[in-house]
Amino acid sequence: MHTKEPNAAHKAIAELEQRLKPQGRSVTVITQNIDRLHHKAGSSNVIELHGSLFYTRCTVCGHVEENSKSPIVPALKDRGAPDPDATSSKIPLDQLPRCTHKQCGGLLRPHVVWFHEGLFQEVLEATDEAMKECDLCLLQMDAHELRKGTFAKVWIEEAVQNKALGSRETYIRVMDKKKLCS
């Protein structure tokens, strides 16, 4: 993830934020991405629906903190992809990442939402507040997402659409037509 760079869309959104700032206006990015590329592009007000790979959360005490080390512990080095020559994928328990907050010692995991987990309450509340206060809502999705039935089909988009269409905001859905035709 550390080698990935923001694309033109990430940069355009960050530039829009910079152009609107002198007018006293703000841009809030609500994303399902866990890569922090909006931050890397320069956006400062980002709500990450599914969390971030650059934060860890303790499975015992729930403490969340930034962790940009890659890997987060030496025992996980070169463990990201299946290795057909590996004799074992087991990592000794004492080498797994541990929480140091108040000497908790619980196992750490990425601070992301995995399949079948609910979104974080504070993220839902921040999203709700941003939608209530926005003047314009741009919702971008590509045809791949539509075909897979991911974000375009889950309840959060419906909630976002209902808020955007039901009040003073303007709602625009941007779809990647190139990908629709492929």
N, C-alpha and C. Protein backbone atom coordinates (compact mmCIF):
# COMPACT_ATOMS: atom_id res chain seq x y z
N MET A 1 0.81 -1.21 0.00
CA MET A 1 0.00 0.00 0.00
C MET A 1 0.86 1.27 0.00
N HIS A 2 2.02 1.20 0.65
CA HIS A 2 2.85 2.40 0.76
C HIS A 2 3.33 2.89 -0.61
N THR A 3 3.39 2.01 -1.59
CA THR A 3 3.90 2.40 -2.91
C THR A 3 2.81 2.97 -3.82
N LYS A 4 1.56 2.85 -3.43
CA LYS A 4 0.45 3.32 -4.26
C LYS A 4 0.37 4.85 -4.21
N GLU A 5 -0.01 5.42 -5.33
CA GLU A 5 -0.13 6.88 -5.44
C GLU A 5 -1.56 7.27 -5.81
N PRO A 6 -2.00 8.45 -5.38
CA PRO A 6 -3.34 8.91 -5.75
C PRO A 6 -3.48 9.05 -7.26
N ASN A 7 -4.68 8.78 -7.75
CA ASN A 7 -4.93 8.95 -9.17
C ASN A 7 -5.48 10.35 -9.45
N ALA A 8 -5.83 10.62 -10.69
CA ALA A 8 -6.31 11.95 -11.08
C ALA A 8 -7.58 12.35 -10.32
N ALA A 9 -8.45 11.41 -10.03
CA ALA A 9 -9.69 11.73 -9.29
C ALA A 9 -9.38 12.15 -7.86
N HIS A 10 -8.48 11.43 -7.18
CA HIS A 10 -8.07 11.81 -5.83
C HIS A 10 -7.53 13.24 -5.82
N LYS A 11 -6.67 13.52 -6.80
CA LYS A 11 -6.03 14.84 -6.87
C LYS A 11 -7.03 15.93 -7.19
N ALA A 12 -7.98 15.64 -8.07
CA ALA A 12 -9.00 16.65 -8.44
C ALA A 12 -9.87 17.01 -7.23
N ILE A 13 -10.23 16.02 -6.44
CA ILE A 13 -11.06 16.27 -5.25
C ILE A 13 -10.27 17.12 -4.25
N ALA A 14 -8.99 16.80 -4.06
CA ALA A 14 -8.15 17.59 -3.15
C ALA A 14 -8.00 19.03 -3.65
N GLU A 15 -7.84 19.19 -4.96
CA GLU A 15 -7.74 20.53 -5.54
C GLU A 15 -9.05 21.30 -5.36
N LEU A 16 -10.18 20.64 -5.54
CA LEU A 16 -11.47 21.27 -5.32
C LEU A 16 -11.56 21.79 -3.88
N GLU A 17 -11.12 20.98 -2.94
CA GLU A 17 -11.13 21.40 -1.54
C GLU A 17 -10.30 22.68 -1.34
N GLN A 18 -9.12 22.71 -1.95
CA GLN A 18 -8.25 23.90 -1.82
C GLN A 18 -8.87 25.14 -2.47
N ARG A 19 -9.54 24.96 -3.60
CA ARG A 19 -10.17 26.09 -4.29
C ARG A 19 -11.38 26.64 -3.53
N LEU A 20 -12.10 25.76 -2.84
CA LEU A 20 -13.30 26.20 -2.12
C LEU A 20 -12.99 26.79 -0.74
N LYS A 21 -11.83 26.44 -0.19
CA LYS A 21 -11.48 26.88 1.16
C LYS A 21 -11.49 28.41 1.30
N PRO A 22 -10.92 29.20 0.35
CA PRO A 22 -10.95 30.66 0.48
C PRO A 22 -12.37 31.25 0.47
N GLN A 23 -13.33 30.49 -0.05
CA GLN A 23 -14.73 30.93 -0.08
C GLN A 23 -15.48 30.55 1.20
N GLY A 24 -14.76 29.93 2.13
CA GLY A 24 -15.40 29.49 3.37
C GLY A 24 -16.23 28.23 3.20
N ARG A 25 -15.97 27.49 2.13
CA ARG A 25 -16.72 26.26 1.88
C ARG A 25 -15.81 25.07 2.13
N SER A 26 -16.41 23.92 2.35
CA SER A 26 -15.60 22.74 2.64
C SER A 26 -16.02 21.57 1.77
N VAL A 27 -15.13 20.61 1.68
CA VAL A 27 -15.37 19.37 0.96
C VAL A 27 -15.17 18.23 1.94
N THR A 28 -16.15 17.36 2.03
CA THR A 28 -16.02 16.15 2.84
C THR A 28 -16.03 14.97 1.89
N VAL A 29 -15.01 14.15 1.97
CA VAL A 29 -14.93 12.95 1.16
C VAL A 29 -15.41 11.78 2.03
N ILE A 30 -16.40 11.06 1.55
CA ILE A 30 -16.88 9.85 2.22
C ILE A 30 -16.50 8.69 1.30
N THR A 31 -15.59 7.85 1.77
CA THR A 31 -15.06 6.79 0.92
C THR A 31 -15.15 5.43 1.58
N GLN A 32 -15.28 4.40 0.77
CA GLN A 32 -15.21 3.04 1.28
C GLN A 32 -13.79 2.49 1.18
N ASN A 33 -12.89 3.24 0.56
CA ASN A 33 -11.52 2.79 0.38
C ASN A 33 -10.76 2.81 1.70
N ILE A 34 -9.84 1.87 1.88
CA ILE A 34 -9.07 1.76 3.11
C ILE A 34 -7.60 2.12 2.90
N ASP A 35 -7.29 2.75 1.76
CA ASP A 35 -5.90 2.98 1.35
C ASP A 35 -5.34 4.35 1.70
N ARG A 36 -6.15 5.26 2.19
CA ARG A 36 -5.76 6.63 2.57
C ARG A 36 -5.22 7.45 1.39
N LEU A 37 -5.55 7.07 0.17
CA LEU A 37 -5.05 7.81 -0.99
C LEU A 37 -5.68 9.20 -1.08
N HIS A 38 -6.89 9.38 -0.55
CA HIS A 38 -7.46 10.74 -0.53
C HIS A 38 -6.61 11.64 0.36
N HIS A 39 -6.17 11.12 1.49
CA HIS A 39 -5.29 11.89 2.38
C HIS A 39 -3.98 12.21 1.67
N LYS A 40 -3.41 11.20 1.03
CA LYS A 40 -2.13 11.36 0.34
C LYS A 40 -2.22 12.41 -0.77
N ALA A 41 -3.41 12.52 -1.38
CA ALA A 41 -3.61 13.51 -2.45
C ALA A 41 -3.76 14.92 -1.89
N GLY A 42 -4.08 15.04 -0.60
CA GLY A 42 -4.21 16.36 0.01
C GLY A 42 -5.57 16.67 0.60
N SER A 43 -6.52 15.77 0.50
CA SER A 43 -7.83 16.00 1.13
C SER A 43 -7.66 15.94 2.65
N SER A 44 -8.33 16.86 3.34
CA SER A 44 -8.15 16.89 4.79
C SER A 44 -9.38 16.42 5.56
N ASN A 45 -10.54 16.42 4.94
CA ASN A 45 -11.76 16.04 5.64
C ASN A 45 -12.31 14.78 4.99
N VAL A 46 -11.80 13.63 5.45
CA VAL A 46 -12.13 12.34 4.83
C VAL A 46 -12.79 11.43 5.87
N ILE A 47 -13.93 10.89 5.51
CA ILE A 47 -14.61 9.90 6.35
C ILE A 47 -14.40 8.55 5.66
N GLU A 48 -13.74 7.63 6.37
CA GLU A 48 -13.44 6.32 5.80
C GLU A 48 -14.46 5.31 6.33
N LEU A 49 -15.45 5.00 5.50
CA LEU A 49 -16.52 4.10 5.92
C LEU A 49 -16.00 2.75 6.41
N HIS A 50 -15.00 2.23 5.75
CA HIS A 50 -14.50 0.89 6.08
C HIS A 50 -13.20 0.93 6.86
N GLY A 51 -12.82 2.07 7.40
CA GLY A 51 -11.60 2.16 8.19
C GLY A 51 -10.38 2.37 7.33
N SER A 52 -9.22 2.03 7.89
CA SER A 52 -7.95 2.25 7.20
C SER A 52 -6.96 1.16 7.55
N LEU A 53 -6.19 0.73 6.54
CA LEU A 53 -5.12 -0.24 6.77
C LEU A 53 -3.98 0.37 7.57
N PHE A 54 -3.95 1.67 7.69
CA PHE A 54 -2.85 2.35 8.37
C PHE A 54 -3.16 2.64 9.84
N TYR A 55 -4.18 1.98 10.35
CA TYR A 55 -4.51 2.02 11.78
C TYR A 55 -4.70 0.59 12.24
N THR A 56 -4.40 0.35 13.51
CA THR A 56 -4.67 -0.95 14.10
C THR A 56 -5.68 -0.78 15.23
N ARG A 57 -6.37 -1.88 15.53
CA ARG A 57 -7.35 -1.88 16.62
C ARG A 57 -7.11 -3.12 17.47
N CYS A 58 -7.12 -2.93 18.77
CA CYS A 58 -6.93 -4.04 19.69
C CYS A 58 -8.21 -4.87 19.76
N THR A 59 -8.05 -6.17 19.71
CA THR A 59 -9.21 -7.07 19.77
C THR A 59 -9.72 -7.24 21.19
N VAL A 60 -8.98 -6.73 22.18
CA VAL A 60 -9.40 -6.85 23.58
C VAL A 60 -9.96 -5.53 24.10
N CYS A 61 -9.14 -4.46 24.07
CA CYS A 61 -9.57 -3.19 24.66
C CYS A 61 -10.18 -2.23 23.64
N GLY A 62 -10.04 -2.52 22.34
CA GLY A 62 -10.63 -1.68 21.31
C GLY A 62 -9.83 -0.43 20.97
N HIS A 63 -8.67 -0.23 21.59
CA HIS A 63 -7.85 0.96 21.33
C HIS A 63 -7.43 0.98 19.86
N VAL A 64 -7.56 2.16 19.24
CA VAL A 64 -7.19 2.35 17.84
C VAL A 64 -6.04 3.35 17.78
N GLU A 65 -5.02 3.02 16.99
CA GLU A 65 -3.92 3.97 16.81
C GLU A 65 -3.32 3.82 15.43
N GLU A 66 -2.70 4.91 14.98
CA GLU A 66 -2.05 4.89 13.68
C GLU A 66 -0.88 3.92 13.73
N ASN A 67 -0.72 3.16 12.66
CA ASN A 67 0.39 2.23 12.54
C ASN A 67 0.72 2.10 11.06
N SER A 68 1.71 2.86 10.63
CA SER A 68 2.09 2.87 9.22
C SER A 68 3.24 1.93 8.92
N LYS A 69 3.66 1.14 9.90
CA LYS A 69 4.74 0.18 9.66
C LYS A 69 4.24 -0.90 8.71
N SER A 70 5.10 -1.31 7.81
CA SER A 70 4.72 -2.37 6.89
C SER A 70 5.87 -3.37 6.79
N PRO A 71 5.67 -4.54 7.34
CA PRO A 71 4.51 -5.04 8.08
C PRO A 71 4.49 -4.47 9.50
N ILE A 72 3.38 -4.69 10.18
CA ILE A 72 3.26 -4.09 11.51
C ILE A 72 4.13 -4.79 12.55
N VAL A 73 4.54 -6.02 12.27
CA VAL A 73 5.54 -6.74 13.09
C VAL A 73 6.41 -7.57 12.15
N PRO A 74 7.68 -7.78 12.50
CA PRO A 74 8.58 -8.55 11.62
C PRO A 74 8.05 -9.94 11.25
N ALA A 75 7.33 -10.60 12.12
CA ALA A 75 6.83 -11.96 11.84
C ALA A 75 5.89 -12.00 10.64
N LEU A 76 5.32 -10.86 10.26
CA LEU A 76 4.39 -10.83 9.12
C LEU A 76 5.08 -10.49 7.80
N LYS A 77 6.40 -10.24 7.83
CA LYS A 77 7.13 -9.92 6.60
C LYS A 77 6.98 -11.06 5.59
N ASP A 78 6.68 -10.67 4.37
CA ASP A 78 6.52 -11.61 3.25
C ASP A 78 5.38 -12.61 3.47
N ARG A 79 4.39 -12.24 4.26
CA ARG A 79 3.25 -13.12 4.52
C ARG A 79 1.99 -12.64 3.80
N GLY A 80 2.12 -11.65 2.92
CA GLY A 80 0.95 -11.07 2.29
C GLY A 80 0.35 -11.89 1.18
N ALA A 81 1.16 -12.68 0.50
CA ALA A 81 0.66 -13.47 -0.62
C ALA A 81 0.93 -14.95 -0.36
N PRO A 82 0.09 -15.83 -0.87
CA PRO A 82 0.34 -17.26 -0.69
C PRO A 82 1.67 -17.66 -1.32
N ASP A 83 2.43 -18.46 -0.63
CA ASP A 83 3.71 -18.94 -1.12
C ASP A 83 3.60 -20.44 -1.35
N PRO A 84 3.63 -20.89 -2.61
CA PRO A 84 3.45 -22.33 -2.88
C PRO A 84 4.57 -23.18 -2.29
N ASP A 85 5.72 -22.55 -1.99
CA ASP A 85 6.85 -23.31 -1.43
C ASP A 85 6.89 -23.28 0.09
N ALA A 86 5.97 -22.57 0.71
CA ALA A 86 5.98 -22.46 2.17
C ALA A 86 5.62 -23.80 2.80
N THR A 87 6.35 -24.14 3.84
CA THR A 87 6.06 -25.39 4.55
C THR A 87 5.02 -25.17 5.64
N SER A 88 4.90 -23.91 6.09
CA SER A 88 3.92 -23.60 7.13
C SER A 88 3.59 -22.12 7.09
N SER A 89 2.35 -21.81 7.33
CA SER A 89 1.95 -20.40 7.40
C SER A 89 1.75 -19.96 8.84
N LYS A 90 2.06 -20.84 9.76
CA LYS A 90 1.84 -20.54 11.18
C LYS A 90 2.89 -19.54 11.69
N ILE A 91 2.40 -18.60 12.47
CA ILE A 91 3.27 -17.62 13.13
C ILE A 91 3.13 -17.87 14.62
N PRO A 92 4.23 -17.99 15.31
CA PRO A 92 4.13 -18.20 16.76
C PRO A 92 3.34 -17.08 17.43
N LEU A 93 2.47 -17.45 18.34
CA LEU A 93 1.59 -16.50 19.02
C LEU A 93 2.34 -15.34 19.63
N ASP A 94 3.52 -15.59 20.18
CA ASP A 94 4.28 -14.52 20.83
C ASP A 94 4.89 -13.53 19.84
N GLN A 95 4.81 -13.83 18.53
CA GLN A 95 5.35 -12.93 17.51
C GLN A 95 4.26 -12.11 16.80
N LEU A 96 3.01 -12.33 17.15
CA LEU A 96 1.92 -11.56 16.56
C LEU A 96 1.87 -10.16 17.17
N PRO A 97 1.29 -9.19 16.44
CA PRO A 97 1.26 -7.82 16.95
C PRO A 97 0.38 -7.70 18.19
N ARG A 98 0.88 -6.99 19.19
CA ARG A 98 0.18 -6.85 20.47
C ARG A 98 -0.07 -5.39 20.81
N CYS A 99 -1.14 -5.16 21.53
CA CYS A 99 -1.52 -3.84 22.00
C CYS A 99 -0.61 -3.43 23.17
N THR A 100 -0.08 -2.22 23.08
CA THR A 100 0.75 -1.70 24.16
C THR A 100 0.02 -0.64 24.98
N HIS A 101 -1.22 -0.35 24.61
CA HIS A 101 -2.00 0.66 25.32
C HIS A 101 -2.31 0.16 26.73
N LYS A 102 -1.84 0.87 27.71
CA LYS A 102 -2.07 0.53 29.13
C LYS A 102 -1.72 -0.93 29.42
N GLN A 103 -0.64 -1.42 28.81
CA GLN A 103 -0.16 -2.80 29.00
C GLN A 103 -1.25 -3.84 28.74
N CYS A 104 -2.13 -3.57 27.78
CA CYS A 104 -3.25 -4.48 27.48
C CYS A 104 -2.75 -5.84 27.00
N GLY A 105 -1.91 -5.84 25.98
CA GLY A 105 -1.38 -7.10 25.46
C GLY A 105 -2.28 -7.85 24.50
N GLY A 106 -3.46 -7.31 24.19
CA GLY A 106 -4.37 -7.97 23.26
C GLY A 106 -3.81 -8.01 21.85
N LEU A 107 -4.32 -8.91 21.03
CA LEU A 107 -3.89 -8.98 19.63
C LEU A 107 -4.39 -7.77 18.86
N LEU A 108 -3.56 -7.28 17.93
CA LEU A 108 -3.95 -6.17 17.06
C LEU A 108 -4.43 -6.71 15.73
N ARG A 109 -5.33 -5.97 15.13
CA ARG A 109 -5.81 -6.28 13.79
C ARG A 109 -5.90 -4.96 13.02
N PRO A 110 -5.98 -5.01 11.70
CA PRO A 110 -6.19 -3.76 10.95
C PRO A 110 -7.53 -3.13 11.37
N HIS A 111 -7.55 -1.82 11.42
CA HIS A 111 -8.78 -1.11 11.79
C HIS A 111 -9.63 -0.92 10.53
N VAL A 112 -10.14 -2.03 10.04
CA VAL A 112 -10.98 -2.04 8.84
C VAL A 112 -12.23 -2.88 9.11
N VAL A 113 -13.24 -2.66 8.29
CA VAL A 113 -14.46 -3.45 8.37
C VAL A 113 -14.31 -4.61 7.39
N TRP A 114 -14.40 -5.81 7.92
CA TRP A 114 -14.35 -6.99 7.08
C TRP A 114 -15.78 -7.44 6.76
N PHE A 115 -15.90 -8.36 5.79
CA PHE A 115 -17.22 -8.86 5.41
C PHE A 115 -17.99 -9.34 6.64
N HIS A 116 -19.26 -9.02 6.66
CA HIS A 116 -20.19 -9.41 7.71
C HIS A 116 -19.99 -8.65 9.02
N GLU A 117 -19.14 -7.63 9.01
CA GLU A 117 -19.01 -6.76 10.18
C GLU A 117 -19.79 -5.48 9.91
N GLY A 118 -20.31 -4.88 10.96
CA GLY A 118 -21.03 -3.62 10.81
C GLY A 118 -20.07 -2.44 10.72
N LEU A 119 -20.56 -1.36 10.15
CA LEU A 119 -19.76 -0.14 10.09
C LEU A 119 -19.67 0.46 11.50
N PHE A 120 -18.61 1.23 11.74
CA PHE A 120 -18.39 1.84 13.04
C PHE A 120 -19.44 2.93 13.29
N GLN A 121 -20.01 2.94 14.48
CA GLN A 121 -21.07 3.89 14.83
C GLN A 121 -20.63 5.34 14.64
N GLU A 122 -19.41 5.68 15.07
CA GLU A 122 -18.95 7.07 14.94
C GLU A 122 -18.79 7.48 13.48
N VAL A 123 -18.48 6.52 12.62
CA VAL A 123 -18.35 6.80 11.18
C VAL A 123 -19.73 7.04 10.59
N LEU A 124 -20.71 6.22 10.98
CA LEU A 124 -22.08 6.42 10.51
C LEU A 124 -22.61 7.78 10.94
N GLU A 125 -22.33 8.17 12.17
CA GLU A 125 -22.79 9.47 12.68
C GLU A 125 -22.12 10.61 11.93
N ALA A 126 -20.81 10.50 11.67
CA ALA A 126 -20.10 11.55 10.91
C ALA A 126 -20.63 11.64 9.49
N THR A 127 -20.94 10.50 8.88
CA THR A 127 -21.51 10.46 7.52
C THR A 127 -22.87 11.12 7.51
N ASP A 128 -23.70 10.79 8.48
CA ASP A 128 -25.03 11.36 8.60
C ASP A 128 -24.95 12.89 8.73
N GLU A 129 -24.05 13.35 9.58
CA GLU A 129 -23.90 14.80 9.79
C GLU A 129 -23.41 15.49 8.51
N ALA A 130 -22.45 14.88 7.84
CA ALA A 130 -21.93 15.47 6.59
C ALA A 130 -23.03 15.54 5.54
N MET A 131 -23.86 14.52 5.45
CA MET A 131 -24.94 14.52 4.47
C MET A 131 -26.00 15.57 4.79
N LYS A 132 -26.27 15.78 6.07
CA LYS A 132 -27.26 16.78 6.46
C LYS A 132 -26.80 18.19 6.11
N GLU A 133 -25.49 18.42 6.14
CA GLU A 133 -24.97 19.77 5.96
C GLU A 133 -24.46 20.06 4.55
N CYS A 134 -24.44 19.07 3.67
CA CYS A 134 -23.82 19.32 2.36
C CYS A 134 -24.75 20.11 1.44
N ASP A 135 -24.12 20.84 0.53
CA ASP A 135 -24.84 21.55 -0.52
C ASP A 135 -24.89 20.72 -1.80
N LEU A 136 -23.92 19.84 -1.97
CA LEU A 136 -23.80 19.03 -3.17
C LEU A 136 -23.26 17.67 -2.78
N CYS A 137 -23.87 16.63 -3.31
CA CYS A 137 -23.41 15.26 -3.05
C CYS A 137 -23.04 14.62 -4.37
N LEU A 138 -21.76 14.26 -4.52
CA LEU A 138 -21.30 13.52 -5.68
C LEU A 138 -21.07 12.09 -5.24
N LEU A 139 -21.71 11.14 -5.88
CA LEU A 139 -21.52 9.74 -5.55
C LEU A 139 -20.91 9.07 -6.76
N GLN A 140 -19.68 8.60 -6.62
CA GLN A 140 -18.99 7.98 -7.73
C GLN A 140 -18.96 6.48 -7.53
N MET A 141 -19.26 5.76 -8.58
CA MET A 141 -19.11 4.31 -8.58
C MET A 141 -18.85 3.87 -10.00
N ASP A 142 -18.19 2.75 -10.15
CA ASP A 142 -17.95 2.27 -11.50
C ASP A 142 -18.81 1.05 -11.78
N ALA A 143 -18.82 0.65 -13.02
CA ALA A 143 -19.68 -0.46 -13.44
C ALA A 143 -19.29 -1.76 -12.75
N HIS A 144 -18.02 -1.92 -12.44
CA HIS A 144 -17.57 -3.13 -11.73
C HIS A 144 -18.28 -3.24 -10.38
N GLU A 145 -18.39 -2.12 -9.68
CA GLU A 145 -19.09 -2.12 -8.40
C GLU A 145 -20.57 -2.47 -8.59
N LEU A 146 -21.16 -1.95 -9.66
CA LEU A 146 -22.57 -2.25 -9.92
C LEU A 146 -22.77 -3.72 -10.22
N ARG A 147 -21.88 -4.30 -11.04
CA ARG A 147 -21.99 -5.72 -11.38
C ARG A 147 -21.75 -6.60 -10.16
N LYS A 148 -20.77 -6.24 -9.33
CA LYS A 148 -20.46 -7.05 -8.15
C LYS A 148 -21.53 -6.92 -7.08
N GLY A 149 -22.25 -5.80 -7.11
CA GLY A 149 -23.27 -5.60 -6.09
C GLY A 149 -22.70 -5.17 -4.77
N THR A 150 -21.57 -4.46 -4.79
CA THR A 150 -20.95 -4.04 -3.53
C THR A 150 -21.59 -2.74 -3.06
N PHE A 151 -20.83 -1.68 -3.00
CA PHE A 151 -21.26 -0.43 -2.40
C PHE A 151 -22.57 0.08 -2.99
N ALA A 152 -22.75 -0.11 -4.31
CA ALA A 152 -23.95 0.40 -4.96
C ALA A 152 -25.21 -0.28 -4.44
N LYS A 153 -25.07 -1.46 -3.87
CA LYS A 153 -26.24 -2.22 -3.45
C LYS A 153 -26.45 -2.25 -1.94
N VAL A 154 -25.50 -1.77 -1.16
CA VAL A 154 -25.65 -1.87 0.29
C VAL A 154 -26.45 -0.71 0.84
N TRP A 155 -26.91 -0.89 2.06
CA TRP A 155 -27.85 0.06 2.65
C TRP A 155 -27.28 1.44 2.86
N ILE A 156 -25.96 1.58 3.02
CA ILE A 156 -25.41 2.91 3.29
C ILE A 156 -25.65 3.85 2.11
N GLU A 157 -25.54 3.33 0.86
CA GLU A 157 -25.79 4.19 -0.28
C GLU A 157 -27.25 4.64 -0.30
N GLU A 158 -28.13 3.73 0.02
CA GLU A 158 -29.55 4.08 0.04
C GLU A 158 -29.81 5.19 1.06
N ALA A 159 -29.18 5.06 2.21
CA ALA A 159 -29.33 6.10 3.25
C ALA A 159 -28.77 7.42 2.77
N VAL A 160 -27.60 7.37 2.11
CA VAL A 160 -26.99 8.59 1.58
C VAL A 160 -27.89 9.22 0.53
N GLN A 161 -28.40 8.42 -0.39
CA GLN A 161 -29.28 8.94 -1.44
C GLN A 161 -30.54 9.57 -0.86
N ASN A 162 -31.15 8.89 0.07
CA ASN A 162 -32.39 9.41 0.66
C ASN A 162 -32.17 10.75 1.33
N LYS A 163 -31.05 10.91 2.03
CA LYS A 163 -30.76 12.19 2.68
C LYS A 163 -30.49 13.27 1.62
N ALA A 164 -29.71 12.90 0.59
CA ALA A 164 -29.34 13.88 -0.41
C ALA A 164 -30.55 14.31 -1.24
N LEU A 165 -31.39 13.38 -1.60
CA LEU A 165 -32.53 13.71 -2.44
C LEU A 165 -33.68 14.30 -1.65
N GLY A 166 -33.74 13.99 -0.36
CA GLY A 166 -34.89 14.38 0.44
C GLY A 166 -34.81 15.76 1.06
N SER A 167 -33.71 16.47 0.90
CA SER A 167 -33.61 17.80 1.51
C SER A 167 -33.06 18.80 0.51
N ARG A 168 -32.30 19.76 0.97
CA ARG A 168 -31.87 20.86 0.13
C ARG A 168 -30.66 20.54 -0.75
N GLU A 169 -30.05 19.38 -0.58
CA GLU A 169 -28.83 19.08 -1.29
C GLU A 169 -29.10 18.72 -2.76
N THR A 170 -28.07 18.88 -3.55
CA THR A 170 -28.09 18.42 -4.93
C THR A 170 -27.35 17.10 -4.97
N TYR A 171 -27.88 16.15 -5.69
CA TYR A 171 -27.32 14.82 -5.75
C TYR A 171 -26.92 14.52 -7.18
N ILE A 172 -25.68 14.08 -7.36
CA ILE A 172 -25.19 13.72 -8.69
C ILE A 172 -24.52 12.37 -8.57
N ARG A 173 -24.89 11.42 -9.42
CA ARG A 173 -24.21 10.12 -9.46
C ARG A 173 -23.28 10.12 -10.67
N VAL A 174 -22.01 9.85 -10.43
CA VAL A 174 -21.02 9.81 -11.49
C VAL A 174 -20.65 8.36 -11.70
N MET A 175 -20.83 7.87 -12.93
CA MET A 175 -20.48 6.49 -13.22
C MET A 175 -19.43 6.46 -14.31
N ASP A 176 -18.57 5.50 -14.28
CA ASP A 176 -17.52 5.35 -15.27
C ASP A 176 -18.10 4.62 -16.47
N LYS A 177 -18.44 5.39 -17.54
CA LYS A 177 -19.10 4.79 -18.72
C LYS A 177 -18.17 3.86 -19.48
N LYS A 178 -16.87 4.12 -19.45
CA LYS A 178 -15.92 3.23 -20.12
C LYS A 178 -16.05 1.83 -19.55
N LYS A 179 -16.08 1.74 -18.24
CA LYS A 179 -16.14 0.43 -17.61
C LYS A 179 -17.50 -0.23 -17.82
N LEU A 180 -18.55 0.54 -18.03
CA LEU A 180 -19.87 -0.03 -18.30
C LEU A 180 -19.86 -0.80 -19.61
N CYS A 181 -19.05 -0.32 -20.57
CA CYS A 181 -19.06 -0.92 -21.90
C CYS A 181 -18.09 -2.08 -22.01
N SER A 182 -17.25 -2.28 -21.01
CA SER A 182 -16.24 -3.35 -21.14
C SER A 182 -16.77 -4.69 -20.69
